[in-house]
Amino acid sequence: MFGPRFNPDGVAALRFGHADFDVADASPKLDAIHVYPDTLGEDVTKSGSGAMMDDLRQRMRGKRSDTLVFIHGFNVTFNGALEAAALLARDVRVGDDPVNVMLFSWPSDGAAVPLMSYYSDREDARASGPAIARAFLKLQEYLVQLNADDYCQRCLHLLTHSMGAYVLRNALQAVRAKDPRALTRTFDQILLAAPDEDDDAFETDDKLRLLPRLGRQVTVYFNPNDKGLIISDRTKLNPDRLGSGGPRLIDLIPKKVVMVDCRRVAGHADPFIEHSYYIRSRAMSADIAAVLADTPPESIGNRTYVDSIRSWRIIAEPGLTPAADAR
């Protein structure tokens, strides 16, 4: 049902559920997974997806909490993706309120053979695009059917990590092919952490240039020392990655896109690879929380603007001396 393989009913088939975690320790512990009944029919309000969205809407309304949709990266098991989602739910707060995290799990091998698992995951990421597009269209259908009094008055956000940005690109193109009118603002903030995407992704419609239509702002977190993207560098004809050095031509990125250099904090959160720095970092949690709270880029603390790369840079991990920047 969930794991390293697609649903036997097809690559666009979806199942919905929720997971309970004990987050008291440094590593969250999974307690239970609950799966919503799978029902047939076209009415989204009577389906498993509708039941999940109803529960989520009530939670957002009752606790006045935002929801963060999360798409994980490559070489991640289902349980690993759940743990990352639990860490985001534990560590990221908008004001005094925690965020709800809705994970979209796609079949990633979670294997230890880098090149083999990367090739397999990339094909699976491409094939997962239609499933996310279908989930996105279900969400829009659900929202359209709500009465004005039913809205929870809270925000939906979207976060991708690593190859999750490539999954998102394929989902965007699937929505565009099915109904270009559906490319409307559904999310408030869209965040791409260490995106394993081409550095020209915001230059062409067939990649991510249309992504800003879906949100109020897009934030790209990148790290020039990201060793996790070396595999991608060595297996693609275009070696330059958006998550390593930012966009190829910064003058061509849409005005909604904000770049944030994470080189000074990535090694603290992920000392060996410097790729999964979006979790287990107080600096990153605080920055993500500030972005989700609609704080203007120039008003977010622990940042400085670097003219030479026209990007913001996170200064330091709290409690540590800022690293000397000789690069």
C-alpha atoms as a PDB file:
ATOM      1  CA  MET A   1       0.000   0.000   0.000  1.00  0.00           C
ATOM      2  CA  PHE A   2       2.776   2.425   0.964  1.00  0.00           C
ATOM      3  CA  GLY A   3       6.426   1.859   0.186  1.00  0.00           C
ATOM      4  CA  PRO A   4       8.918   1.546  -2.681  1.00  0.00           C
ATOM      5  CA  ARG A   5       6.412   0.503  -5.363  1.00  0.00           C
ATOM      6  CA  PHE A   6       3.517   2.168  -7.159  1.00  0.00           C
ATOM      7  CA  ASN A   7      -0.085   1.288  -6.394  1.00  0.00           C
ATOM      8  CA  PRO A   8      -1.077  -1.816  -8.414  1.00  0.00           C
ATOM      9  CA  ASP A   9      -4.102   0.161  -9.668  1.00  0.00           C
ATOM     10  CA  GLY A  10      -1.785   2.512 -11.563  1.00  0.00           C
ATOM     11  CA  VAL A  11       0.803   5.253 -11.092  1.00  0.00           C
ATOM     12  CA  ALA A  12      -1.877   7.919 -10.605  1.00  0.00           C
ATOM     13  CA  ALA A  13      -3.746   5.951  -7.922  1.00  0.00           C
ATOM     14  CA  LEU A  14      -3.857   7.602  -4.500  1.00  0.00           C
ATOM     15  CA  ARG A  15      -4.470   6.448  -0.936  1.00  0.00           C
ATOM     16  CA  PHE A  16      -4.943   8.762   2.024  1.00  0.00           C
ATOM     17  CA  GLY A  17      -4.214   8.337   5.709  1.00  0.00           C
ATOM     18  CA  HIS A  18      -2.612   9.913   8.754  1.00  0.00           C
ATOM     19  CA  ALA A  19       0.279   8.917  10.997  1.00  0.00           C
ATOM     20  CA  ASP A  20       0.727   9.345  14.759  1.00  0.00           C
ATOM     21  CA  PHE A  21       4.213  10.071  16.123  1.00  0.00           C
ATOM     22  CA  ASP A  22       5.839  10.400  19.521  1.00  0.00           C
ATOM     23  CA  VAL A  23       8.170  13.384  19.048  1.00  0.00           C
ATOM     24  CA  ALA A  24       9.562  13.581  22.589  1.00  0.00           C
ATOM     25  CA  ASP A  25      12.983  12.207  21.559  1.00  0.00           C
ATOM     26  CA  ALA A  26      15.462  13.541  19.004  1.00  0.00           C
ATOM     27  CA  SER A  27      14.199  10.982  16.476  1.00  0.00           C
ATOM     28  CA  PRO A  28      10.386  10.764  16.255  1.00  0.00           C
ATOM     29  CA  LYS A  29       8.874   7.330  16.873  1.00  0.00           C
ATOM     30  CA  LEU A  30       6.009   6.123  14.703  1.00  0.00           C
ATOM     31  CA  ASP A  31       3.017   4.963  16.780  1.00  0.00           C
ATOM     32  CA  ALA A  32       0.408   4.090  14.162  1.00  0.00           C
ATOM     33  CA  ILE A  33      -0.787   4.661  10.601  1.00  0.00           C
ATOM     34  CA  HIS A  34      -4.493   5.065   9.879  1.00  0.00           C
ATOM     35  CA  VAL A  35      -5.749   4.664   6.305  1.00  0.00           C
ATOM     36  CA  TYR A  36      -8.994   6.242   5.124  1.00  0.00           C
ATOM     37  CA  PRO A  37     -11.407   3.837   3.405  1.00  0.00           C
ATOM     38  CA  ASP A  38     -11.029   3.802  -0.345  1.00  0.00           C
ATOM     39  CA  THR A  39     -14.362   4.579  -2.003  1.00  0.00           C
ATOM     40  CA  LEU A  40     -15.396   4.660  -5.619  1.00  0.00           C
ATOM     41  CA  GLY A  41     -17.132   7.536  -7.354  1.00  0.00           C
ATOM     42  CA  GLU A  42     -16.356  10.986  -8.636  1.00  0.00           C
ATOM     43  CA  ASP A  43     -17.668  13.032  -5.684  1.00  0.00           C
ATOM     44  CA  VAL A  44     -14.538  14.106  -3.804  1.00  0.00           C
ATOM     45  CA  THR A  45     -16.528  14.934  -0.662  1.00  0.00           C
ATOM     46  CA  LYS A  46     -17.527  11.261  -0.292  1.00  0.00           C
ATOM     47  CA  SER A  47     -14.066   9.802  -0.955  1.00  0.00           C
ATOM     48  CA  GLY A  48     -11.101   8.977   1.234  1.00  0.00           C
ATOM     49  CA  SER A  49      -9.446  12.180   0.062  1.00  0.00           C
ATOM     50  CA  GLY A  50     -12.531  14.173   1.014  1.00  0.00           C
ATOM     51  CA  ALA A  51     -12.624  12.599   4.487  1.00  0.00           C
ATOM     52  CA  MET A  52      -8.963  13.456   5.025  1.00  0.00           C
ATOM     53  CA  MET A  53      -9.443  17.041   3.841  1.00  0.00           C
ATOM     54  CA  ASP A  54     -12.490  17.416   6.084  1.00  0.00           C
ATOM     55  CA  ASP A  55     -10.440  16.275   9.098  1.00  0.00           C
ATOM     56  CA  LEU A  56      -7.578  18.572   8.122  1.00  0.00           C
ATOM     57  CA  ARG A  57      -9.890  21.565   7.650  1.00  0.00           C
ATOM     58  CA  GLN A  58     -11.394  21.030  11.098  1.00  0.00           C
ATOM     59  CA  ARG A  59      -7.922  20.810  12.593  1.00  0.00           C
ATOM     60  CA  MET A  60      -6.839  24.010  10.848  1.00  0.00           C
ATOM     61  CA  ARG A  61      -9.966  25.816  11.999  1.00  0.00           C
ATOM     62  CA  GLY A  62      -9.922  24.507  15.581  1.00  0.00           C
ATOM     63  CA  LYS A  63      -6.231  25.098  16.270  1.00  0.00           C
ATOM     64  CA  ARG A  64      -5.882  28.098  13.956  1.00  0.00           C
ATOM     65  CA  SER A  65      -2.969  26.280  12.312  1.00  0.00           C
ATOM     66  CA  ASP A  66      -1.518  26.388   8.787  1.00  0.00           C
ATOM     67  CA  THR A  67      -0.809  23.253   6.750  1.00  0.00           C
ATOM     68  CA  LEU A  68       2.449  22.461   4.959  1.00  0.00           C
ATOM     69  CA  VAL A  69       2.284  20.000   2.047  1.00  0.00           C
ATOM     70  CA  PHE A  70       5.622  18.151   1.867  1.00  0.00           C
ATOM     71  CA  ILE A  71       7.167  16.218  -1.051  1.00  0.00           C
ATOM     72  CA  HIS A  72      10.309  14.302  -0.077  1.00  0.00           C
ATOM     73  CA  GLY A  73      13.446  13.667  -2.136  1.00  0.00           C
ATOM     74  CA  PHE A  74      15.285  10.659  -3.566  1.00  0.00           C
ATOM     75  CA  ASN A  75      16.685   7.656  -1.691  1.00  0.00           C
ATOM     76  CA  VAL A  76      14.109   7.991   1.094  1.00  0.00           C
ATOM     77  CA  THR A  77      12.047   5.132   2.501  1.00  0.00           C
ATOM     78  CA  PHE A  78       8.377   5.593   3.339  1.00  0.00           C
ATOM     79  CA  ASN A  79       9.159   5.561   7.063  1.00  0.00           C
ATOM     80  CA  GLY A  80      12.056   7.974   6.498  1.00  0.00           C
ATOM     81  CA  ALA A  81       9.720  10.379   4.714  1.00  0.00           C
ATOM     82  CA  LEU A  82       7.243  10.119   7.588  1.00  0.00           C
ATOM     83  CA  GLU A  83      10.005  10.874  10.105  1.00  0.00           C
ATOM     84  CA  ALA A  84      11.089  13.965   8.133  1.00  0.00           C
ATOM     85  CA  ALA A  85       7.461  15.138   8.078  1.00  0.00           C
ATOM     86  CA  ALA A  86       7.224  14.578  11.839  1.00  0.00           C
ATOM     87  CA  LEU A  87      10.373  16.658  12.402  1.00  0.00           C
ATOM     88  CA  LEU A  88       8.895  19.507  10.358  1.00  0.00           C
ATOM     89  CA  ALA A  89       5.652  19.291  12.350  1.00  0.00           C
ATOM     90  CA  ARG A  90       7.610  19.359  15.616  1.00  0.00           C
ATOM     91  CA  ASP A  91      10.151  22.082  14.852  1.00  0.00           C
ATOM     92  CA  VAL A  92       8.370  24.586  12.586  1.00  0.00           C
ATOM     93  CA  ARG A  93       5.872  26.921  14.222  1.00  0.00           C
ATOM     94  CA  VAL A  94       3.978  29.855  12.743  1.00  0.00           C
ATOM     95  CA  GLY A  95       3.773  32.270  15.645  1.00  0.00           C
ATOM     96  CA  ASP A  96       2.885  30.106  18.623  1.00  0.00           C
ATOM     97  CA  ASP A  97       1.119  27.471  16.550  1.00  0.00           C
ATOM     98  CA  PRO A  98       2.588  24.260  15.105  1.00  0.00           C
ATOM     99  CA  VAL A  99       1.937  23.470  11.465  1.00  0.00           C
ATOM    100  CA  ASN A 100       0.092  20.451  10.151  1.00  0.00           C
ATOM    101  CA  VAL A 101       2.279  18.531   7.702  1.00  0.00           C
ATOM    102  CA  MET A 102       0.658  16.634   4.840  1.00  0.00           C
ATOM    103  CA  LEU A 103       3.196  14.306   3.239  1.00  0.00           C
ATOM    104  CA  PHE A 104       2.972  13.187  -0.366  1.00  0.00           C
ATOM    105  CA  SER A 105       4.951   9.937  -0.476  1.00  0.00           C
ATOM    106  CA  TRP A 106       6.192   8.796  -3.873  1.00  0.00           C
ATOM    107  CA  PRO A 107       8.067   5.491  -4.478  1.00  0.00           C
ATOM    108  CA  SER A 108      11.679   6.247  -3.637  1.00  0.00           C
ATOM    109  CA  ASP A 109      13.997   3.244  -3.299  1.00  0.00           C
ATOM    110  CA  GLY A 110      15.708   4.354  -0.118  1.00  0.00           C
ATOM    111  CA  ALA A 111      18.585   2.162  -1.306  1.00  0.00           C
ATOM    112  CA  ALA A 112      22.272   2.413  -0.504  1.00  0.00           C
ATOM    113  CA  VAL A 113      23.550   1.975  -4.076  1.00  0.00           C
ATOM    114  CA  PRO A 114      23.789   5.648  -5.119  1.00  0.00           C
ATOM    115  CA  LEU A 115      23.870   5.546  -8.920  1.00  0.00           C
ATOM    116  CA  MET A 116      21.396   2.672  -9.290  1.00  0.00           C
ATOM    117  CA  SER A 117      18.899   4.084  -6.813  1.00  0.00           C
ATOM    118  CA  TYR A 118      19.246   7.573  -8.304  1.00  0.00           C
ATOM    119  CA  TYR A 119      18.366   6.401 -11.812  1.00  0.00           C
ATOM    120  CA  SER A 120      15.412   4.390 -10.491  1.00  0.00           C
ATOM    121  CA  ASP A 121      14.168   7.220  -8.295  1.00  0.00           C
ATOM    122  CA  ARG A 122      14.360   9.746 -11.117  1.00  0.00           C
ATOM    123  CA  GLU A 123      12.156   7.586 -13.317  1.00  0.00           C
ATOM    124  CA  ASP A 124       9.738   7.076 -10.417  1.00  0.00           C
ATOM    125  CA  ALA A 125       9.762  10.829  -9.734  1.00  0.00           C
ATOM    126  CA  ARG A 126       8.787  11.518 -13.346  1.00  0.00           C
ATOM    127  CA  ALA A 127       6.020   8.926 -13.180  1.00  0.00           C
ATOM    128  CA  SER A 128       4.704  10.354  -9.875  1.00  0.00           C
ATOM    129  CA  GLY A 129       3.880  13.729 -11.413  1.00  0.00           C
ATOM    130  CA  PRO A 130       0.365  12.726 -12.585  1.00  0.00           C
ATOM    131  CA  ALA A 131      -0.516  11.413  -9.114  1.00  0.00           C
ATOM    132  CA  ILE A 132       0.394  14.724  -7.469  1.00  0.00           C
ATOM    133  CA  ALA A 133      -1.459  16.569 -10.227  1.00  0.00           C
ATOM    134  CA  ARG A 134      -4.523  14.442  -9.467  1.00  0.00           C
ATOM    135  CA  ALA A 135      -4.227  15.189  -5.745  1.00  0.00           C
ATOM    136  CA  PHE A 136      -3.879  18.907  -6.539  1.00  0.00           C
ATOM    137  CA  LEU A 137      -7.003  18.875  -8.705  1.00  0.00           C
ATOM    138  CA  LYS A 138      -8.880  16.975  -5.973  1.00  0.00           C
ATOM    139  CA  LEU A 139      -7.878  19.703  -3.517  1.00  0.00           C
ATOM    140  CA  GLN A 140      -9.123  22.417  -5.851  1.00  0.00           C
ATOM    141  CA  GLU A 141     -12.396  20.537  -6.397  1.00  0.00           C
ATOM    142  CA  TYR A 142     -12.827  20.178  -2.630  1.00  0.00           C
ATOM    143  CA  LEU A 143     -12.210  23.905  -2.043  1.00  0.00           C
ATOM    144  CA  VAL A 144     -14.656  24.922  -4.786  1.00  0.00           C
ATOM    145  CA  GLN A 145     -17.437  22.901  -3.146  1.00  0.00           C
ATOM    146  CA  LEU A 146     -17.015  24.594   0.252  1.00  0.00           C
ATOM    147  CA  ASN A 147     -19.374  27.336   1.361  1.00  0.00           C
ATOM    148  CA  ALA A 148     -17.866  30.641   2.408  1.00  0.00           C
ATOM    149  CA  ASP A 149     -18.635  29.875   6.072  1.00  0.00           C
ATOM    150  CA  ASP A 150     -16.683  26.593   5.826  1.00  0.00           C
ATOM    151  CA  TYR A 151     -13.309  28.172   5.115  1.00  0.00           C
ATOM    152  CA  CYS A 152     -10.850  27.842   7.983  1.00  0.00           C
ATOM    153  CA  GLN A 153      -9.106  31.171   7.236  1.00  0.00           C
ATOM    154  CA  ARG A 154      -5.673  29.546   7.430  1.00  0.00           C
ATOM    155  CA  CYS A 155      -2.997  29.017   4.767  1.00  0.00           C
ATOM    156  CA  LEU A 156      -1.768  26.081   2.728  1.00  0.00           C
ATOM    157  CA  HIS A 157       1.957  25.985   1.962  1.00  0.00           C
ATOM    158  CA  LEU A 158       4.145  23.652  -0.115  1.00  0.00           C
ATOM    159  CA  LEU A 159       7.682  22.383   0.602  1.00  0.00           C
ATOM    160  CA  THR A 160       9.768  20.085  -1.586  1.00  0.00           C
ATOM    161  CA  HIS A 161      13.184  18.620  -0.834  1.00  0.00           C
ATOM    162  CA  SER A 162      15.774  17.509  -3.374  1.00  0.00           C
ATOM    163  CA  MET A 163      14.205  15.408  -6.147  1.00  0.00           C
ATOM    164  CA  GLY A 164      10.816  16.383  -4.771  1.00  0.00           C
ATOM    165  CA  ALA A 165      11.236  19.556  -6.855  1.00  0.00           C
ATOM    166  CA  TYR A 166      11.512  17.374  -9.980  1.00  0.00           C
ATOM    167  CA  VAL A 167       8.357  15.516  -8.896  1.00  0.00           C
ATOM    168  CA  LEU A 168       6.683  18.913  -8.540  1.00  0.00           C
ATOM    169  CA  ARG A 169       7.845  19.952 -12.025  1.00  0.00           C
ATOM    170  CA  ASN A 170       6.221  16.880 -13.538  1.00  0.00           C
ATOM    171  CA  ALA A 171       3.051  17.473 -11.522  1.00  0.00           C
ATOM    172  CA  LEU A 172       2.949  21.080 -12.718  1.00  0.00           C
ATOM    173  CA  GLN A 173       3.262  19.951 -16.323  1.00  0.00           C
ATOM    174  CA  ALA A 174       0.556  17.296 -15.834  1.00  0.00           C
ATOM    175  CA  VAL A 175      -1.863  19.928 -14.476  1.00  0.00           C
ATOM    176  CA  ARG A 176      -0.914  22.271 -17.300  1.00  0.00           C
ATOM    177  CA  ALA A 177      -1.649  19.556 -19.892  1.00  0.00           C
ATOM    178  CA  LYS A 178      -4.991  18.621 -18.333  1.00  0.00           C
ATOM    179  CA  ASP A 179      -6.343  22.085 -17.529  1.00  0.00           C
ATOM    180  CA  PRO A 180      -4.109  25.180 -17.746  1.00  0.00           C
ATOM    181  CA  ARG A 181      -6.837  27.180 -15.970  1.00  0.00           C
ATOM    182  CA  ALA A 182      -6.110  25.155 -12.820  1.00  0.00           C
ATOM    183  CA  LEU A 183      -2.720  26.880 -12.438  1.00  0.00           C
ATOM    184  CA  THR A 184      -4.105  29.402  -9.955  1.00  0.00           C
ATOM    185  CA  ARG A 185      -2.954  30.452  -6.499  1.00  0.00           C
ATOM    186  CA  THR A 186      -3.711  27.578  -4.142  1.00  0.00           C
ATOM    187  CA  PHE A 187      -0.740  27.929  -1.779  1.00  0.00           C
ATOM    188  CA  ASP A 188       0.573  30.914   0.115  1.00  0.00           C
ATOM    189  CA  GLN A 189       4.276  30.021   0.382  1.00  0.00           C
ATOM    190  CA  ILE A 190       6.152  27.527  -1.825  1.00  0.00           C
ATOM    191  CA  LEU A 191       9.600  26.428  -0.629  1.00  0.00           C
ATOM    192  CA  LEU A 192      12.172  24.393  -2.584  1.00  0.00           C
ATOM    193  CA  ALA A 193      14.898  23.024  -0.293  1.00  0.00           C
ATOM    194  CA  ALA A 194      18.079  21.766  -2.000  1.00  0.00           C
ATOM    195  CA  PRO A 195      16.133  21.347  -5.260  1.00  0.00           C
ATOM    196  CA  ASP A 196      17.553  18.677  -7.568  1.00  0.00           C
ATOM    197  CA  GLU A 197      16.456  20.677 -10.585  1.00  0.00           C
ATOM    198  CA  ASP A 198      18.184  22.296 -13.554  1.00  0.00           C
ATOM    199  CA  ASP A 199      19.537  25.759 -12.861  1.00  0.00           C
ATOM    200  CA  ASP A 200      17.493  27.081 -15.806  1.00  0.00           C
ATOM    201  CA  ALA A 201      14.249  25.691 -14.345  1.00  0.00           C
ATOM    202  CA  PHE A 202      12.656  29.146 -13.972  1.00  0.00           C
ATOM    203  CA  GLU A 203      13.456  30.134 -17.546  1.00  0.00           C
ATOM    204  CA  THR A 204      11.075  27.845 -19.443  1.00  0.00           C
ATOM    205  CA  ASP A 205       7.384  27.008 -19.189  1.00  0.00           C
ATOM    206  CA  ASP A 206       8.074  23.281 -19.505  1.00  0.00           C
ATOM    207  CA  LYS A 207      10.004  23.321 -16.217  1.00  0.00           C
ATOM    208  CA  LEU A 208       9.168  25.620 -13.276  1.00  0.00           C
ATOM    209  CA  ARG A 209       8.578  29.092 -14.728  1.00  0.00           C
ATOM    210  CA  LEU A 210       4.829  28.755 -14.154  1.00  0.00           C
ATOM    211  CA  LEU A 211       5.238  27.568 -10.545  1.00  0.00           C
ATOM    212  CA  PRO A 212       4.816  31.080  -9.043  1.00  0.00           C
ATOM    213  CA  ARG A 213       1.233  31.069 -10.341  1.00  0.00           C
ATOM    214  CA  LEU A 214       0.428  28.531  -7.603  1.00  0.00           C
ATOM    215  CA  GLY A 215       1.634  30.647  -4.670  1.00  0.00           C
ATOM    216  CA  ARG A 216       2.239  34.128  -3.327  1.00  0.00           C
ATOM    217  CA  GLN A 217       6.010  33.604  -3.050  1.00  0.00           C
ATOM    218  CA  VAL A 218       8.573  30.929  -3.936  1.00  0.00           C
ATOM    219  CA  THR A 219      11.690  30.531  -1.740  1.00  0.00           C
ATOM    220  CA  VAL A 220      14.657  28.499  -2.999  1.00  0.00           C
ATOM    221  CA  TYR A 221      17.158  27.242  -0.399  1.00  0.00           C
ATOM    222  CA  PHE A 222      20.528  26.322  -1.948  1.00  0.00           C
ATOM    223  CA  ASN A 223      24.013  25.291  -0.784  1.00  0.00           C
ATOM    224  CA  PRO A 224      27.136  25.382  -2.985  1.00  0.00           C
ATOM    225  CA  ASN A 225      28.690  22.649  -0.800  1.00  0.00           C
ATOM    226  CA  ASP A 226      25.814  20.193  -1.265  1.00  0.00           C
ATOM    227  CA  LYS A 227      27.469  16.809  -1.836  1.00  0.00           C
ATOM    228  CA  GLY A 228      24.117  15.089  -2.262  1.00  0.00           C
ATOM    229  CA  LEU A 229      23.699  16.767  -5.643  1.00  0.00           C
ATOM    230  CA  ILE A 230      27.000  15.397  -6.952  1.00  0.00           C
ATOM    231  CA  ILE A 231      25.176  12.227  -8.033  1.00  0.00           C
ATOM    232  CA  SER A 232      22.818  14.365 -10.060  1.00  0.00           C
ATOM    233  CA  ASP A 233      25.768  16.333 -11.463  1.00  0.00           C
ATOM    234  CA  ARG A 234      27.378  13.146 -12.733  1.00  0.00           C
ATOM    235  CA  THR A 235      24.273  11.555 -14.237  1.00  0.00           C
ATOM    236  CA  LYS A 236      22.822  14.476 -16.239  1.00  0.00           C
ATOM    237  CA  LEU A 237      23.948  16.196 -19.419  1.00  0.00           C
ATOM    238  CA  ASN A 238      23.233  19.539 -17.725  1.00  0.00           C
ATOM    239  CA  PRO A 239      25.323  19.315 -14.537  1.00  0.00           C
ATOM    240  CA  ASP A 240      24.396  22.621 -12.911  1.00  0.00           C
ATOM    241  CA  ARG A 241      21.762  22.220 -10.191  1.00  0.00           C
ATOM    242  CA  LEU A 242      19.423  24.860  -8.822  1.00  0.00           C
ATOM    243  CA  GLY A 243      20.057  23.549  -5.298  1.00  0.00           C
ATOM    244  CA  SER A 244      23.820  24.019  -5.596  1.00  0.00           C
ATOM    245  CA  GLY A 245      24.397  27.471  -7.028  1.00  0.00           C
ATOM    246  CA  GLY A 246      20.972  28.949  -7.541  1.00  0.00           C
ATOM    247  CA  PRO A 247      19.550  29.988 -10.936  1.00  0.00           C
ATOM    248  CA  ARG A 248      21.668  30.175 -14.081  1.00  0.00           C
ATOM    249  CA  LEU A 249      20.478  33.673 -14.979  1.00  0.00           C
ATOM    250  CA  ILE A 250      19.175  35.487 -11.929  1.00  0.00           C
ATOM    251  CA  ASP A 251      17.823  38.355 -14.048  1.00  0.00           C
ATOM    252  CA  LEU A 252      15.330  35.946 -15.625  1.00  0.00           C
ATOM    253  CA  ILE A 253      13.768  34.476 -12.483  1.00  0.00           C
ATOM    254  CA  PRO A 254      10.207  35.617 -11.710  1.00  0.00           C
ATOM    255  CA  LYS A 255       9.965  38.466  -9.200  1.00  0.00           C
ATOM    256  CA  LYS A 256       8.085  36.196  -6.778  1.00  0.00           C
ATOM    257  CA  VAL A 257      11.162  33.952  -6.372  1.00  0.00           C
ATOM    258  CA  VAL A 258      13.496  34.568  -3.393  1.00  0.00           C
ATOM    259  CA  MET A 259      16.926  32.893  -3.169  1.00  0.00           C
ATOM    260  CA  VAL A 260      18.458  31.902   0.201  1.00  0.00           C
ATOM    261  CA  ASP A 261      22.066  30.642   0.545  1.00  0.00           C
ATOM    262  CA  CYS A 262      22.367  28.063   3.352  1.00  0.00           C
ATOM    263  CA  ARG A 263      26.101  27.249   3.197  1.00  0.00           C
ATOM    264  CA  ARG A 264      26.802  28.492   6.729  1.00  0.00           C
ATOM    265  CA  VAL A 265      24.252  26.235   8.428  1.00  0.00           C
ATOM    266  CA  ALA A 266      23.992  23.194   6.132  1.00  0.00           C
ATOM    267  CA  GLY A 267      27.028  21.464   7.627  1.00  0.00           C
ATOM    268  CA  HIS A 268      25.683  21.725  11.159  1.00  0.00           C
ATOM    269  CA  ALA A 269      22.400  20.028  10.285  1.00  0.00           C
ATOM    270  CA  ASP A 270      23.895  17.468   7.879  1.00  0.00           C
ATOM    271  CA  PRO A 271      27.673  17.357   8.511  1.00  0.00           C
ATOM    272  CA  PHE A 272      28.655  14.728   5.943  1.00  0.00           C
ATOM    273  CA  ILE A 273      26.434  15.387   2.915  1.00  0.00           C
ATOM    274  CA  GLU A 274      25.080  18.917   3.558  1.00  0.00           C
ATOM    275  CA  HIS A 275      21.930  18.027   1.609  1.00  0.00           C
ATOM    276  CA  SER A 276      19.178  17.387   4.184  1.00  0.00           C
ATOM    277  CA  TYR A 277      19.803  20.615   6.087  1.00  0.00           C
ATOM    278  CA  TYR A 278      16.151  21.684   5.936  1.00  0.00           C
ATOM    279  CA  ILE A 279      15.503  19.580   9.069  1.00  0.00           C
ATOM    280  CA  ARG A 280      17.430  19.228  12.360  1.00  0.00           C
ATOM    281  CA  SER A 281      18.587  22.843  12.169  1.00  0.00           C
ATOM    282  CA  ARG A 282      17.269  25.570  14.460  1.00  0.00           C
ATOM    283  CA  ALA A 283      18.326  28.192  11.922  1.00  0.00           C
ATOM    284  CA  MET A 284      16.431  26.497   9.099  1.00  0.00           C
ATOM    285  CA  SER A 285      13.341  25.855  11.239  1.00  0.00           C
ATOM    286  CA  ALA A 286      13.263  29.520  12.244  1.00  0.00           C
ATOM    287  CA  ASP A 287      13.768  30.699   8.655  1.00  0.00           C
ATOM    288  CA  ILE A 288      11.081  28.393   7.272  1.00  0.00           C
ATOM    289  CA  ALA A 289       8.700  29.500  10.039  1.00  0.00           C
ATOM    290  CA  ALA A 290       9.335  33.162   9.228  1.00  0.00           C
ATOM    291  CA  VAL A 291       8.658  32.530   5.529  1.00  0.00           C
ATOM    292  CA  LEU A 292       5.414  30.689   6.331  1.00  0.00           C
ATOM    293  CA  ALA A 293       4.375  33.618   8.529  1.00  0.00           C
ATOM    294  CA  ASP A 294       4.595  35.897   5.448  1.00  0.00           C
ATOM    295  CA  THR A 295       7.505  37.847   6.906  1.00  0.00           C
ATOM    296  CA  PRO A 296       9.095  40.050   4.194  1.00  0.00           C
ATOM    297  CA  PRO A 297      12.536  38.695   3.176  1.00  0.00           C
ATOM    298  CA  GLU A 298      14.293  41.834   4.420  1.00  0.00           C
ATOM    299  CA  SER A 299      12.654  41.511   7.849  1.00  0.00           C
ATOM    300  CA  ILE A 300      13.659  37.904   8.571  1.00  0.00           C
ATOM    301  CA  GLY A 301      16.325  37.692  11.276  1.00  0.00           C
ATOM    302  CA  ASN A 302      19.619  35.793  11.000  1.00  0.00           C
ATOM    303  CA  ARG A 303      19.917  36.752   7.310  1.00  0.00           C
ATOM    304  CA  THR A 304      22.144  39.070   5.357  1.00  0.00           C
ATOM    305  CA  TYR A 305      21.883  40.114   1.725  1.00  0.00           C
ATOM    306  CA  VAL A 306      24.837  39.257  -0.532  1.00  0.00           C
ATOM    307  CA  ASP A 307      25.014  41.593  -3.519  1.00  0.00           C
ATOM    308  CA  SER A 308      27.482  39.457  -5.479  1.00  0.00           C
ATOM    309  CA  ILE A 309      24.982  36.584  -5.781  1.00  0.00           C
ATOM    310  CA  ARG A 310      21.820  38.666  -5.315  1.00  0.00           C
ATOM    311  CA  SER A 311      20.617  36.266  -2.656  1.00  0.00           C
ATOM    312  CA  TRP A 312      19.933  36.234   1.044  1.00  0.00           C
ATOM    313  CA  ARG A 313      22.298  34.194   3.216  1.00  0.00           C
ATOM    314  CA  ILE A 314      21.477  32.603   6.567  1.00  0.00           C
ATOM    315  CA  ILE A 315      24.182  33.868   8.927  1.00  0.00           C
ATOM    316  CA  ALA A 316      24.659  31.159  11.563  1.00  0.00           C
ATOM    317  CA  GLU A 317      23.173  28.325  13.554  1.00  0.00           C
ATOM    318  CA  PRO A 318      21.893  29.789  16.862  1.00  0.00           C
ATOM    319  CA  GLY A 319      24.451  29.426  19.636  1.00  0.00           C
ATOM    320  CA  LEU A 320      27.373  28.958  17.248  1.00  0.00           C
ATOM    321  CA  THR A 321      29.932  31.470  15.992  1.00  0.00           C
ATOM    322  CA  PRO A 322      29.263  32.440  12.364  1.00  0.00           C
ATOM    323  CA  ALA A 323      31.532  30.512  10.014  1.00  0.00           C
ATOM    324  CA  ALA A 324      34.264  32.419   8.253  1.00  0.00           C
ATOM    325  CA  ASP A 325      33.137  32.873   4.666  1.00  0.00           C
ATOM    326  CA  ALA A 326      36.138  32.517   2.419  1.00  0.00           C
ATOM    327  CA  ARG A 327      34.129  31.144  -0.521  1.00  0.00           C
END
